[in-house]
N, C-alpha and C. Protein backbone atom coordinates (compact mmCIF):
# COMPACT_ATOMS: atom_id res chain seq x y z
N MET A 1 -84.68 207.92 150.19
CA MET A 1 -84.14 206.68 149.69
C MET A 1 -83.23 206.01 150.72
N ARG A 2 -82.36 206.84 151.35
CA ARG A 2 -81.47 206.28 152.37
C ARG A 2 -82.27 205.69 153.53
N ARG A 3 -83.35 206.36 153.89
CA ARG A 3 -84.18 205.87 154.99
C ARG A 3 -84.80 204.53 154.63
N PHE A 4 -85.24 204.35 153.38
CA PHE A 4 -85.83 203.10 152.92
C PHE A 4 -84.81 201.96 152.99
N ILE A 5 -83.58 202.25 152.53
CA ILE A 5 -82.51 201.23 152.57
C ILE A 5 -82.17 200.87 154.00
N PHE A 6 -82.10 201.88 154.86
CA PHE A 6 -81.79 201.64 156.27
C PHE A 6 -82.86 200.77 156.92
N LEU A 7 -84.15 201.09 156.69
CA LEU A 7 -85.24 200.30 157.28
C LEU A 7 -85.25 198.87 156.72
N THR A 8 -84.92 198.71 155.46
CA THR A 8 -84.86 197.38 154.86
C THR A 8 -83.76 196.55 155.51
N MET A 9 -82.59 197.20 155.73
CA MET A 9 -81.47 196.51 156.37
C MET A 9 -81.81 196.10 157.80
N VAL A 10 -82.46 196.99 158.54
CA VAL A 10 -82.86 196.68 159.92
C VAL A 10 -83.84 195.51 159.92
N GLY A 11 -84.77 195.50 158.98
CA GLY A 11 -85.74 194.41 158.88
C GLY A 11 -85.07 193.08 158.60
N LEU A 12 -84.09 193.09 157.71
CA LEU A 12 -83.38 191.86 157.39
C LEU A 12 -82.60 191.33 158.59
N VAL A 13 -82.00 192.25 159.35
CA VAL A 13 -81.25 191.85 160.53
C VAL A 13 -82.18 191.21 161.55
N ILE A 14 -83.36 191.79 161.73
CA ILE A 14 -84.32 191.24 162.69
C ILE A 14 -84.80 189.86 162.25
N VAL A 15 -85.11 189.70 160.96
CA VAL A 15 -85.56 188.40 160.44
C VAL A 15 -84.45 187.35 160.62
N PHE A 16 -83.20 187.72 160.29
CA PHE A 16 -82.08 186.80 160.42
C PHE A 16 -81.86 186.40 161.88
N ALA A 17 -81.92 187.36 162.79
CA ALA A 17 -81.72 187.08 164.21
C ALA A 17 -82.83 186.17 164.74
N SER A 18 -84.06 186.40 164.30
CA SER A 18 -85.18 185.57 164.74
C SER A 18 -85.02 184.13 164.26
N ALA A 19 -84.63 183.96 162.99
CA ALA A 19 -84.44 182.62 162.43
C ALA A 19 -83.31 181.89 163.15
N THR A 20 -82.23 182.60 163.47
CA THR A 20 -81.10 181.99 164.17
C THR A 20 -81.52 181.55 165.56
N ALA A 21 -82.31 182.36 166.25
CA ALA A 21 -82.78 182.02 167.59
C ALA A 21 -83.68 180.78 167.55
N GLN A 22 -84.54 180.68 166.52
CA GLN A 22 -85.41 179.52 166.40
C GLN A 22 -84.59 178.25 166.14
N GLN A 23 -83.56 178.35 165.28
CA GLN A 23 -82.71 177.20 165.01
C GLN A 23 -81.97 176.76 166.26
N SER A 24 -81.50 177.72 167.04
CA SER A 24 -80.79 177.41 168.27
C SER A 24 -81.70 176.69 169.25
N THR A 25 -82.95 177.19 169.38
CA THR A 25 -83.91 176.58 170.29
C THR A 25 -84.24 175.17 169.82
N ALA A 26 -84.40 174.97 168.52
CA ALA A 26 -84.70 173.65 167.98
C ALA A 26 -83.55 172.68 168.24
N ALA A 27 -82.32 173.19 168.09
CA ALA A 27 -81.16 172.33 168.31
C ALA A 27 -81.07 171.90 169.77
N GLN A 28 -81.43 172.81 170.69
CA GLN A 28 -81.38 172.47 172.10
C GLN A 28 -82.40 171.41 172.44
N GLY A 29 -83.55 171.40 171.76
CA GLY A 29 -84.60 170.43 172.04
C GLY A 29 -84.46 169.15 171.24
N ALA A 30 -83.47 169.09 170.36
CA ALA A 30 -83.29 167.90 169.52
C ALA A 30 -82.94 166.70 170.38
N ASP A 31 -83.29 165.52 169.87
CA ASP A 31 -82.99 164.29 170.58
C ASP A 31 -81.48 164.08 170.62
N VAL A 32 -80.94 163.98 171.82
CA VAL A 32 -79.52 163.73 172.01
C VAL A 32 -79.41 162.30 172.52
N PRO A 33 -78.59 161.47 171.88
CA PRO A 33 -78.49 160.09 172.33
C PRO A 33 -78.06 160.02 173.79
N SER A 34 -78.69 159.10 174.54
CA SER A 34 -78.33 158.91 175.93
C SER A 34 -76.95 158.27 176.02
N LYS A 35 -76.28 158.52 177.11
CA LYS A 35 -74.94 157.99 177.33
C LYS A 35 -75.03 156.52 177.73
N ASN A 36 -74.12 155.71 177.18
CA ASN A 36 -74.03 154.31 177.57
C ASN A 36 -73.50 154.24 179.00
N LEU A 37 -74.27 153.61 179.88
CA LEU A 37 -73.90 153.51 181.29
C LEU A 37 -72.95 152.35 181.56
N ILE A 38 -72.75 151.50 180.57
CA ILE A 38 -71.85 150.36 180.73
C ILE A 38 -70.44 150.76 180.30
N ALA A 39 -69.49 150.52 181.18
CA ALA A 39 -68.08 150.77 180.84
C ALA A 39 -67.53 149.53 180.15
N ASN A 40 -66.77 149.74 179.09
CA ASN A 40 -66.14 148.65 178.35
C ASN A 40 -67.17 147.65 177.83
N GLY A 41 -68.26 148.18 177.26
CA GLY A 41 -69.31 147.31 176.73
C GLY A 41 -68.87 146.48 175.55
N GLY A 42 -67.82 146.91 174.86
CA GLY A 42 -67.29 146.15 173.73
C GLY A 42 -66.12 145.26 174.10
N PHE A 43 -65.76 145.23 175.39
CA PHE A 43 -64.69 144.38 175.93
C PHE A 43 -63.32 144.68 175.33
N GLU A 44 -63.14 145.91 174.82
CA GLU A 44 -61.87 146.27 174.20
C GLU A 44 -60.80 146.64 175.24
N GLU A 45 -61.23 147.01 176.45
CA GLU A 45 -60.28 147.39 177.50
C GLU A 45 -59.93 146.17 178.35
N GLY A 46 -58.66 146.01 178.61
CA GLY A 46 -58.22 144.89 179.44
C GLY A 46 -56.97 144.29 178.85
N LYS A 47 -56.47 143.26 179.52
CA LYS A 47 -55.25 142.58 179.08
C LYS A 47 -55.50 141.90 177.74
N ASP A 48 -54.55 142.04 176.82
CA ASP A 48 -54.68 141.43 175.50
C ASP A 48 -54.79 139.90 175.65
N PRO A 49 -55.92 139.32 175.17
CA PRO A 49 -56.09 137.87 175.33
C PRO A 49 -55.39 137.04 174.26
N GLY A 50 -54.73 137.70 173.28
CA GLY A 50 -54.14 136.94 172.18
C GLY A 50 -55.27 136.33 171.37
N GLY A 51 -55.18 135.01 171.08
CA GLY A 51 -56.28 134.31 170.42
C GLY A 51 -57.50 134.30 171.34
N PHE A 52 -57.31 133.75 172.54
CA PHE A 52 -58.30 133.84 173.61
C PHE A 52 -57.62 133.46 174.92
N SER A 53 -58.21 133.88 176.02
CA SER A 53 -57.73 133.47 177.33
C SER A 53 -58.93 133.09 178.19
N THR A 54 -58.78 132.05 178.98
CA THR A 54 -59.86 131.62 179.88
C THR A 54 -59.75 132.40 181.17
N GLU A 55 -60.86 133.02 181.57
CA GLU A 55 -60.89 133.88 182.75
C GLU A 55 -61.90 133.36 183.77
N GLY A 56 -61.51 133.33 185.04
CA GLY A 56 -62.38 132.87 186.12
C GLY A 56 -62.68 133.97 187.12
N LYS A 57 -63.22 133.57 188.27
CA LYS A 57 -63.74 134.51 189.27
C LYS A 57 -62.75 135.56 189.75
N ASP A 58 -61.50 135.22 189.87
CA ASP A 58 -60.52 136.17 190.40
C ASP A 58 -59.88 137.05 189.32
N SER A 59 -60.29 136.87 188.08
CA SER A 59 -59.66 137.59 186.97
C SER A 59 -59.97 139.09 187.01
N LYS A 60 -58.95 139.87 186.71
CA LYS A 60 -59.09 141.32 186.55
C LYS A 60 -58.77 141.72 185.11
N ASN A 61 -58.71 140.74 184.21
CA ASN A 61 -58.24 140.99 182.84
C ASN A 61 -59.26 141.64 181.93
N ILE A 62 -60.55 141.56 182.26
CA ILE A 62 -61.59 142.20 181.45
C ILE A 62 -62.05 143.43 182.23
N ALA A 63 -61.56 144.59 181.85
CA ALA A 63 -61.79 145.82 182.62
C ALA A 63 -63.28 146.08 182.84
N HIS A 64 -63.63 146.44 184.08
CA HIS A 64 -64.97 146.85 184.52
C HIS A 64 -65.97 145.71 184.67
N TRP A 65 -65.62 144.50 184.33
CA TRP A 65 -66.52 143.35 184.43
C TRP A 65 -66.02 142.39 185.49
N THR A 66 -66.99 141.73 186.17
CA THR A 66 -66.67 140.73 187.19
C THR A 66 -67.25 139.39 186.75
N ILE A 67 -66.44 138.36 186.85
CA ILE A 67 -66.91 137.00 186.56
C ILE A 67 -67.37 136.41 187.89
N THR A 68 -68.63 136.00 187.96
CA THR A 68 -69.19 135.56 189.24
C THR A 68 -69.54 134.08 189.26
N MET A 69 -69.36 133.38 188.13
CA MET A 69 -69.64 131.94 188.09
C MET A 69 -68.82 131.31 186.98
N GLY A 70 -68.23 130.16 187.25
CA GLY A 70 -67.54 129.40 186.23
C GLY A 70 -66.43 130.18 185.56
N THR A 71 -66.28 129.95 184.25
CA THR A 71 -65.27 130.66 183.46
C THR A 71 -65.89 131.13 182.15
N VAL A 72 -65.27 132.17 181.59
CA VAL A 72 -65.59 132.64 180.24
C VAL A 72 -64.29 132.68 179.45
N ASP A 73 -64.39 132.65 178.13
CA ASP A 73 -63.21 132.84 177.29
C ASP A 73 -63.22 134.26 176.75
N TYR A 74 -62.15 134.98 177.03
CA TYR A 74 -61.96 136.36 176.56
C TYR A 74 -61.35 136.24 175.16
N ILE A 75 -62.15 136.56 174.14
CA ILE A 75 -61.78 136.31 172.75
C ILE A 75 -61.01 137.51 172.19
N GLY A 76 -59.89 137.21 171.54
CA GLY A 76 -59.10 138.21 170.82
C GLY A 76 -59.19 137.94 169.33
N THR A 77 -58.18 137.24 168.82
CA THR A 77 -58.14 136.97 167.38
C THR A 77 -58.78 135.64 167.00
N TYR A 78 -59.25 134.86 167.96
CA TYR A 78 -59.75 133.51 167.69
C TYR A 78 -61.02 133.51 166.85
N PHE A 79 -61.95 134.45 167.13
CA PHE A 79 -63.18 134.60 166.35
C PHE A 79 -63.32 136.05 165.92
N PRO A 80 -64.00 136.31 164.79
CA PRO A 80 -64.35 137.70 164.47
C PRO A 80 -65.46 138.17 165.41
N CYS A 81 -65.25 139.29 166.04
CA CYS A 81 -66.24 139.83 166.99
C CYS A 81 -67.23 140.74 166.27
N HIS A 82 -68.30 141.11 166.97
CA HIS A 82 -69.33 141.97 166.36
C HIS A 82 -68.79 143.35 166.07
N GLY A 83 -68.12 143.95 167.04
CA GLY A 83 -67.52 145.27 166.88
C GLY A 83 -66.16 145.26 167.54
N GLY A 84 -65.20 145.93 166.95
CA GLY A 84 -63.86 145.95 167.54
C GLY A 84 -63.16 144.62 167.39
N LYS A 85 -62.21 144.37 168.30
CA LYS A 85 -61.35 143.19 168.19
C LYS A 85 -61.58 142.15 169.27
N ARG A 86 -62.44 142.44 170.26
CA ARG A 86 -62.61 141.52 171.38
C ARG A 86 -64.08 141.28 171.70
N CYS A 87 -64.36 140.09 172.24
CA CYS A 87 -65.70 139.73 172.69
C CYS A 87 -65.56 138.63 173.75
N ILE A 88 -66.67 138.08 174.20
CA ILE A 88 -66.66 137.06 175.25
C ILE A 88 -67.38 135.81 174.76
N ASP A 89 -66.76 134.63 174.96
CA ASP A 89 -67.47 133.36 174.83
C ASP A 89 -67.96 133.04 176.24
N MET A 90 -69.28 132.99 176.40
CA MET A 90 -69.86 132.82 177.73
C MET A 90 -69.62 131.43 178.33
N ASP A 91 -69.15 130.49 177.52
CA ASP A 91 -68.71 129.19 178.04
C ASP A 91 -67.20 129.16 177.96
N GLY A 92 -66.57 129.25 179.11
CA GLY A 92 -65.10 129.22 179.14
C GLY A 92 -64.59 127.83 178.81
N THR A 93 -63.38 127.55 179.23
CA THR A 93 -62.76 126.26 178.95
C THR A 93 -62.44 125.58 180.28
N PRO A 94 -63.41 124.92 180.94
CA PRO A 94 -64.81 124.78 180.51
C PRO A 94 -65.70 125.84 181.16
N GLY A 95 -66.95 125.86 180.72
CA GLY A 95 -67.95 126.78 181.25
C GLY A 95 -69.05 125.99 181.92
N PRO A 96 -70.22 126.57 182.07
CA PRO A 96 -70.64 127.91 181.65
C PRO A 96 -70.18 129.00 182.61
N GLY A 97 -70.33 130.26 182.17
CA GLY A 97 -69.90 131.37 183.00
C GLY A 97 -70.96 132.44 183.18
N ARG A 98 -70.65 133.36 184.07
CA ARG A 98 -71.53 134.51 184.33
C ARG A 98 -70.66 135.74 184.53
N ILE A 99 -71.04 136.86 183.89
CA ILE A 99 -70.33 138.13 184.07
C ILE A 99 -71.33 139.20 184.45
N GLN A 100 -70.85 140.22 185.15
CA GLN A 100 -71.75 141.29 185.56
C GLN A 100 -71.00 142.61 185.72
N GLN A 101 -71.81 143.68 185.73
CA GLN A 101 -71.29 145.03 185.98
C GLN A 101 -72.36 145.84 186.68
N THR A 102 -71.95 146.63 187.67
CA THR A 102 -72.86 147.48 188.43
C THR A 102 -72.66 148.93 188.01
N PHE A 103 -73.77 149.66 187.87
CA PHE A 103 -73.72 151.05 187.40
C PHE A 103 -74.81 151.86 188.09
N SER A 104 -74.70 153.19 188.02
CA SER A 104 -75.65 154.09 188.67
C SER A 104 -76.95 154.17 187.89
N THR A 105 -78.07 154.14 188.61
CA THR A 105 -79.39 154.26 188.00
C THR A 105 -80.28 155.14 188.87
N THR A 106 -81.44 155.50 188.33
CA THR A 106 -82.45 156.27 189.07
C THR A 106 -83.65 155.37 189.29
N PRO A 107 -84.08 155.20 190.54
CA PRO A 107 -85.22 154.32 190.80
C PRO A 107 -86.46 154.71 189.98
N ASP A 108 -87.20 153.69 189.54
CA ASP A 108 -88.45 153.82 188.78
C ASP A 108 -88.26 154.36 187.37
N VAL A 109 -87.03 154.47 186.92
CA VAL A 109 -86.76 154.89 185.54
C VAL A 109 -86.46 153.65 184.71
N THR A 110 -86.94 153.64 183.47
CA THR A 110 -86.73 152.50 182.58
C THR A 110 -85.41 152.65 181.82
N TYR A 111 -84.71 151.54 181.67
CA TYR A 111 -83.43 151.50 180.96
C TYR A 111 -83.51 150.47 179.83
N HIS A 112 -82.84 150.80 178.73
CA HIS A 112 -82.86 149.95 177.53
C HIS A 112 -81.50 149.29 177.36
N VAL A 113 -81.51 147.96 177.31
CA VAL A 113 -80.28 147.17 177.16
C VAL A 113 -80.18 146.70 175.71
N THR A 114 -79.01 146.86 175.12
CA THR A 114 -78.73 146.35 173.78
C THR A 114 -77.44 145.54 173.85
N PHE A 115 -77.41 144.41 173.16
CA PHE A 115 -76.20 143.60 173.13
C PHE A 115 -76.21 142.71 171.89
N ALA A 116 -75.03 142.32 171.45
CA ALA A 116 -74.89 141.47 170.27
C ALA A 116 -74.52 140.06 170.70
N VAL A 117 -75.13 139.07 170.04
CA VAL A 117 -74.89 137.66 170.35
C VAL A 117 -74.51 136.91 169.08
N GLY A 118 -73.48 136.10 169.20
CA GLY A 118 -73.07 135.18 168.15
C GLY A 118 -72.93 133.80 168.75
N ALA A 119 -72.27 132.89 168.05
CA ALA A 119 -72.14 131.53 168.54
C ALA A 119 -70.74 130.98 168.28
N ASN A 120 -70.20 130.28 169.28
CA ASN A 120 -69.02 129.47 169.09
C ASN A 120 -69.52 128.16 168.48
N ARG A 121 -69.28 127.98 167.18
CA ARG A 121 -69.81 126.83 166.43
C ARG A 121 -68.88 125.62 166.46
N GLU A 122 -67.86 125.65 167.30
CA GLU A 122 -66.91 124.54 167.34
C GLU A 122 -67.40 123.36 168.16
N GLY A 123 -68.59 123.48 168.75
CA GLY A 123 -69.14 122.37 169.53
C GLY A 123 -70.57 122.66 169.94
N PRO A 124 -71.24 121.63 170.53
CA PRO A 124 -72.63 121.78 170.93
C PRO A 124 -72.77 122.71 172.12
N PRO A 125 -73.99 123.15 172.40
CA PRO A 125 -75.21 122.87 171.64
C PRO A 125 -75.32 123.79 170.42
N ASN A 126 -76.18 123.42 169.45
CA ASN A 126 -76.38 124.28 168.27
C ASN A 126 -77.07 125.58 168.65
N VAL A 127 -78.03 125.48 169.58
CA VAL A 127 -78.75 126.67 170.05
C VAL A 127 -78.11 127.11 171.37
N LYS A 128 -77.50 128.29 171.33
CA LYS A 128 -76.85 128.84 172.52
C LYS A 128 -77.88 129.67 173.29
N LYS A 129 -77.90 129.50 174.62
CA LYS A 129 -78.87 130.24 175.44
C LYS A 129 -78.13 131.11 176.46
N LEU A 130 -78.64 132.33 176.59
CA LEU A 130 -78.02 133.34 177.44
C LEU A 130 -79.12 134.05 178.23
N GLN A 131 -78.96 134.14 179.54
CA GLN A 131 -79.93 134.85 180.37
C GLN A 131 -79.39 136.22 180.75
N VAL A 132 -80.23 137.23 180.62
CA VAL A 132 -79.89 138.60 180.99
C VAL A 132 -80.74 138.98 182.19
N SER A 133 -80.11 139.59 183.21
CA SER A 133 -80.83 139.95 184.43
C SER A 133 -80.45 141.33 184.91
N ALA A 134 -81.43 142.03 185.49
CA ALA A 134 -81.19 143.33 186.14
C ALA A 134 -82.43 143.69 186.92
N ALA A 135 -82.25 144.29 188.09
CA ALA A 135 -83.34 144.84 188.90
C ALA A 135 -84.45 143.82 189.16
N GLY A 136 -84.07 142.57 189.42
CA GLY A 136 -85.05 141.54 189.76
C GLY A 136 -85.78 140.95 188.57
N LYS A 137 -85.43 141.37 187.36
CA LYS A 137 -86.04 140.82 186.15
C LYS A 137 -84.99 140.05 185.38
N SER A 138 -85.45 139.09 184.57
CA SER A 138 -84.52 138.37 183.70
C SER A 138 -85.25 137.89 182.46
N LYS A 139 -84.48 137.63 181.41
CA LYS A 139 -85.03 137.10 180.17
C LYS A 139 -83.98 136.22 179.52
N THR A 140 -84.44 135.12 178.93
CA THR A 140 -83.55 134.21 178.22
C THR A 140 -83.60 134.49 176.73
N PHE A 141 -82.42 134.56 176.12
CA PHE A 141 -82.29 134.78 174.68
C PHE A 141 -81.61 133.56 174.07
N SER A 142 -82.09 133.15 172.90
CA SER A 142 -81.53 131.99 172.20
C SER A 142 -80.95 132.43 170.87
N PHE A 143 -79.87 131.75 170.48
CA PHE A 143 -79.22 132.03 169.20
C PHE A 143 -78.87 130.71 168.55
N ASP A 144 -79.45 130.44 167.39
CA ASP A 144 -79.22 129.19 166.67
C ASP A 144 -78.02 129.36 165.73
N GLY A 145 -76.91 128.77 166.11
CA GLY A 145 -75.68 128.90 165.34
C GLY A 145 -75.69 128.16 164.02
N THR A 146 -76.65 127.24 163.82
CA THR A 146 -76.74 126.54 162.54
C THR A 146 -77.50 127.37 161.51
N LYS A 147 -78.38 128.23 161.97
CA LYS A 147 -79.18 129.05 161.06
C LYS A 147 -78.60 130.44 160.84
N ASN A 148 -77.85 130.93 161.80
CA ASN A 148 -77.31 132.28 161.73
C ASN A 148 -75.79 132.22 161.83
N LYS A 149 -75.12 132.57 160.76
CA LYS A 149 -73.65 132.50 160.73
C LYS A 149 -72.98 133.78 161.22
N GLY A 150 -73.75 134.82 161.44
CA GLY A 150 -73.18 136.08 161.88
C GLY A 150 -73.54 136.38 163.32
N TRP A 151 -73.95 137.61 163.56
CA TRP A 151 -74.33 138.09 164.89
C TRP A 151 -75.76 138.63 164.83
N SER A 152 -76.44 138.61 165.96
CA SER A 152 -77.76 139.25 166.08
C SER A 152 -77.71 140.23 167.24
N VAL A 153 -78.42 141.35 167.09
CA VAL A 153 -78.50 142.35 168.16
C VAL A 153 -79.84 142.20 168.86
N TYR A 154 -79.80 142.10 170.19
CA TYR A 154 -81.00 141.92 171.00
C TYR A 154 -81.24 143.14 171.86
N HIS A 155 -82.50 143.32 172.26
CA HIS A 155 -82.92 144.47 173.08
C HIS A 155 -83.77 143.98 174.24
N TRP A 156 -83.65 144.68 175.35
CA TRP A 156 -84.41 144.32 176.55
C TRP A 156 -84.50 145.54 177.46
N ASP A 157 -85.64 145.72 178.14
CA ASP A 157 -85.84 146.85 179.04
C ASP A 157 -86.05 146.37 180.47
N PHE A 158 -85.63 147.21 181.41
CA PHE A 158 -85.92 146.96 182.83
C PHE A 158 -86.14 148.28 183.52
N ALA A 159 -86.87 148.26 184.62
CA ALA A 159 -87.08 149.46 185.45
C ALA A 159 -86.19 149.35 186.68
N ALA A 160 -85.38 150.36 186.92
CA ALA A 160 -84.47 150.34 188.06
C ALA A 160 -85.25 150.41 189.37
N LYS A 161 -84.71 149.76 190.39
CA LYS A 161 -85.34 149.76 191.72
C LYS A 161 -84.53 150.54 192.74
N SER A 162 -83.28 150.86 192.40
CA SER A 162 -82.42 151.55 193.36
C SER A 162 -81.43 152.44 192.63
N LYS A 163 -80.53 153.04 193.39
CA LYS A 163 -79.55 153.97 192.81
C LYS A 163 -78.40 153.25 192.12
N GLN A 164 -78.30 151.96 192.32
CA GLN A 164 -77.31 151.15 191.61
C GLN A 164 -77.99 149.88 191.13
N THR A 165 -77.63 149.46 189.92
CA THR A 165 -78.19 148.25 189.33
C THR A 165 -77.06 147.41 188.78
N THR A 166 -77.20 146.10 188.92
CA THR A 166 -76.21 145.16 188.38
C THR A 166 -76.83 144.46 187.17
N LEU A 167 -76.15 144.56 186.05
CA LEU A 167 -76.54 143.85 184.83
C LEU A 167 -75.71 142.58 184.75
N THR A 168 -76.41 141.44 184.57
CA THR A 168 -75.76 140.14 184.59
C THR A 168 -76.07 139.36 183.33
N PHE A 169 -75.05 138.72 182.76
CA PHE A 169 -75.21 137.80 181.64
C PHE A 169 -74.77 136.42 182.11
N THR A 170 -75.65 135.41 181.95
CA THR A 170 -75.37 134.05 182.41
C THR A 170 -75.55 133.07 181.27
N SER A 171 -74.55 132.24 181.02
CA SER A 171 -74.69 131.17 180.05
C SER A 171 -75.60 130.09 180.64
N LEU A 172 -76.51 129.57 179.82
CA LEU A 172 -77.40 128.50 180.27
C LEU A 172 -76.99 127.15 179.69
N SER A 173 -75.73 127.03 179.29
CA SER A 173 -75.21 125.75 178.80
C SER A 173 -75.04 124.77 179.96
N GLN A 174 -74.91 123.49 179.61
CA GLN A 174 -74.66 122.46 180.62
C GLN A 174 -73.26 122.62 181.18
N LYS A 175 -73.08 122.17 182.41
CA LYS A 175 -71.79 122.24 183.06
C LYS A 175 -70.74 121.50 182.24
N GLY A 176 -69.57 122.11 182.09
CA GLY A 176 -68.47 121.50 181.35
C GLY A 176 -68.45 121.83 179.87
N ASN A 177 -69.45 122.57 179.39
CA ASN A 177 -69.49 122.92 177.97
C ASN A 177 -68.41 123.96 177.66
N ASN A 178 -67.81 123.86 176.46
CA ASN A 178 -66.74 124.79 176.06
C ASN A 178 -67.16 125.78 174.98
N CYS A 179 -68.31 125.59 174.36
CA CYS A 179 -68.68 126.37 173.17
C CYS A 179 -70.02 127.05 173.41
N GLY A 180 -69.98 128.31 173.80
CA GLY A 180 -71.22 128.99 174.18
C GLY A 180 -71.60 130.14 173.28
N ALA A 181 -72.49 130.95 173.81
CA ALA A 181 -72.89 132.18 173.12
C ALA A 181 -71.74 133.18 173.20
N LEU A 182 -71.52 133.89 172.10
CA LEU A 182 -70.55 134.98 172.08
C LEU A 182 -71.28 136.27 172.40
N LEU A 183 -70.70 137.11 173.23
CA LEU A 183 -71.31 138.36 173.67
C LEU A 183 -70.42 139.54 173.31
N ASP A 184 -71.05 140.63 172.81
CA ASP A 184 -70.28 141.82 172.46
C ASP A 184 -71.20 143.04 172.48
N ASP A 185 -70.59 144.21 172.50
CA ASP A 185 -71.27 145.52 172.34
C ASP A 185 -72.49 145.70 173.25
N VAL A 186 -72.23 145.59 174.56
CA VAL A 186 -73.28 145.77 175.56
C VAL A 186 -73.50 147.25 175.82
N SER A 187 -74.76 147.66 175.83
CA SER A 187 -75.10 149.06 176.07
C SER A 187 -76.33 149.14 176.96
N VAL A 188 -76.33 150.09 177.90
CA VAL A 188 -77.52 150.40 178.70
C VAL A 188 -77.72 151.90 178.66
N VAL A 189 -78.89 152.33 178.23
CA VAL A 189 -79.20 153.76 178.20
C VAL A 189 -80.54 154.01 178.87
N MET A 190 -80.67 155.20 179.44
CA MET A 190 -81.92 155.60 180.06
C MET A 190 -82.96 155.85 178.97
N VAL A 191 -84.17 155.38 179.18
CA VAL A 191 -85.27 155.64 178.25
C VAL A 191 -85.87 156.99 178.59
N GLU A 192 -85.77 157.94 177.66
CA GLU A 192 -86.28 159.29 177.90
C GLU A 192 -87.80 159.26 177.90
N LYS A 193 -88.39 160.00 178.83
CA LYS A 193 -89.86 160.07 178.92
C LYS A 193 -90.41 161.00 177.86
């Protein structure tokens, strides 16, 4: 009888150990979200803009981002942002503007860009246009502020050509415009094969 109980206990231990090993292996192979390669994608880091502050080419107030054309408005409490407390109006006072960030990439690997767009409805145009560029590719996105009172999330892919890639957002408003597309929650992740 003792031998039967002992063998039963050994069998249970083996079954339990095997099940635990399988769960561990499954967990290791589970899909793990890729890391966002964009620093300060929600624009939360940087000097407090208050309601908003107009930022130009020499500005260091929006951490990790460079303004390369015109001006943008760094929004604080002036508008509700998509996530967190800060976002960018791509048409400064006045605009239009362009912002960019450079990050490490692997050549010939595809990357997925996600970003949220809203509209400064305090002036024209009703349809805000924003161009996204990286690795020699670009795409224009439109947001109709008369039809959409909130935010929309957009997606775009590009294939890296080098070890560093610059992601650029450019307002396509007319020169001197003050009310552009609002930008928030920028993310770039590697597309797993």
